[in-house]
Amino acid sequence: MFLPCQVCDSVPGERCINVPGHPLANTTLHPQRVQLAERALRGEVPLPSSLA
């Protein structure tokens, strides 16, 4: 993933980790991180300066 995770603070390139209240179950990324990436790709939020 090219964005950091606002839930578990994983940096770009890292998988998300389990944190209290936000288990991953069978996924490798938190849904909030995926939603943020989708919004960034649609242009609703700015891309990180390293990608802009």
C-alpha atoms as a PDB file:
ATOM      1  CA  MET A   1       0.000   0.000   0.000  1.00  0.00           C
ATOM      2  CA  PHE A   2       1.300   3.424  -0.890  1.00  0.00           C
ATOM      3  CA  LEU A   3      -0.273   5.232   2.089  1.00  0.00           C
ATOM      4  CA  PRO A   4       0.370   4.962   5.830  1.00  0.00           C
ATOM      5  CA  CYS A   5      -2.336   3.377   7.980  1.00  0.00           C
ATOM      6  CA  GLN A   6      -4.115   5.777  10.270  1.00  0.00           C
ATOM      7  CA  VAL A   7      -5.295   2.891  12.466  1.00  0.00           C
ATOM      8  CA  CYS A   8      -2.056   1.018  13.251  1.00  0.00           C
ATOM      9  CA  ASP A   9       0.569   3.524  12.013  1.00  0.00           C
ATOM     10  CA  SER A  10       2.076   1.126   9.473  1.00  0.00           C
ATOM     11  CA  VAL A  11       4.164   3.018   6.953  1.00  0.00           C
ATOM     12  CA  PRO A  12       3.849   2.726   3.166  1.00  0.00           C
ATOM     13  CA  GLY A  13       5.051  -0.697   2.042  1.00  0.00           C
ATOM     14  CA  GLU A  14       4.201  -2.394   5.352  1.00  0.00           C
ATOM     15  CA  ARG A  15       1.204  -4.586   6.088  1.00  0.00           C
ATOM     16  CA  CYS A  16      -1.195  -3.513   8.787  1.00  0.00           C
ATOM     17  CA  ILE A  17      -0.957  -5.071  12.231  1.00  0.00           C
ATOM     18  CA  ASN A  18      -3.647  -6.024  14.742  1.00  0.00           C
ATOM     19  CA  VAL A  19      -4.389  -3.321  17.279  1.00  0.00           C
ATOM     20  CA  PRO A  20      -6.948  -3.334  20.097  1.00  0.00           C
ATOM     21  CA  GLY A  21     -10.396  -2.612  18.715  1.00  0.00           C
ATOM     22  CA  HIS A  22      -9.273  -3.028  15.099  1.00  0.00           C
ATOM     23  CA  PRO A  23      -8.525  -6.705  14.379  1.00  0.00           C
ATOM     24  CA  LEU A  24      -7.568  -7.644  10.838  1.00  0.00           C
ATOM     25  CA  ALA A  25      -9.396 -11.002  10.696  1.00  0.00           C
ATOM     26  CA  ASN A  26      -8.519 -12.436   7.255  1.00  0.00           C
ATOM     27  CA  THR A  27      -7.255  -9.252   5.593  1.00  0.00           C
ATOM     28  CA  THR A  28      -3.803  -7.677   5.363  1.00  0.00           C
ATOM     29  CA  LEU A  29      -4.980  -4.038   5.444  1.00  0.00           C
ATOM     30  CA  HIS A  30      -7.404  -2.138   7.644  1.00  0.00           C
ATOM     31  CA  PRO A  31     -10.557  -1.075   5.775  1.00  0.00           C
ATOM     32  CA  GLN A  32      -9.884   2.572   6.676  1.00  0.00           C
ATOM     33  CA  ARG A  33      -6.538   2.418   4.875  1.00  0.00           C
ATOM     34  CA  VAL A  34      -8.138   0.896   1.781  1.00  0.00           C
ATOM     35  CA  GLN A  35     -10.868   3.556   1.790  1.00  0.00           C
ATOM     36  CA  LEU A  36      -8.280   6.323   2.103  1.00  0.00           C
ATOM     37  CA  ALA A  37      -6.350   4.898  -0.857  1.00  0.00           C
ATOM     38  CA  GLU A  38      -9.524   4.722  -2.942  1.00  0.00           C
ATOM     39  CA  ARG A  39     -10.303   8.348  -2.110  1.00  0.00           C
ATOM     40  CA  ALA A  40      -6.745   9.388  -2.987  1.00  0.00           C
ATOM     41  CA  LEU A  41      -6.919   7.641  -6.343  1.00  0.00           C
ATOM     42  CA  ARG A  42     -10.234   9.380  -7.115  1.00  0.00           C
ATOM     43  CA  GLY A  43      -8.647  12.734  -6.244  1.00  0.00           C
ATOM     44  CA  GLU A  44     -10.853  13.358  -3.189  1.00  0.00           C
ATOM     45  CA  VAL A  45      -7.826  13.641  -0.883  1.00  0.00           C
ATOM     46  CA  PRO A  46      -4.304  14.671  -1.836  1.00  0.00           C
ATOM     47  CA  LEU A  47      -1.690  12.066  -2.640  1.00  0.00           C
ATOM     48  CA  PRO A  48       1.416  11.979  -0.447  1.00  0.00           C
ATOM     49  CA  SER A  49       4.050  14.456  -1.647  1.00  0.00           C
ATOM     50  CA  SER A  50       6.321  11.557  -2.678  1.00  0.00           C
ATOM     51  CA  LEU A  51       3.661  10.451  -5.223  1.00  0.00           C
ATOM     52  CA  ALA A  52       2.246  13.784  -6.339  1.00  0.00           C
END
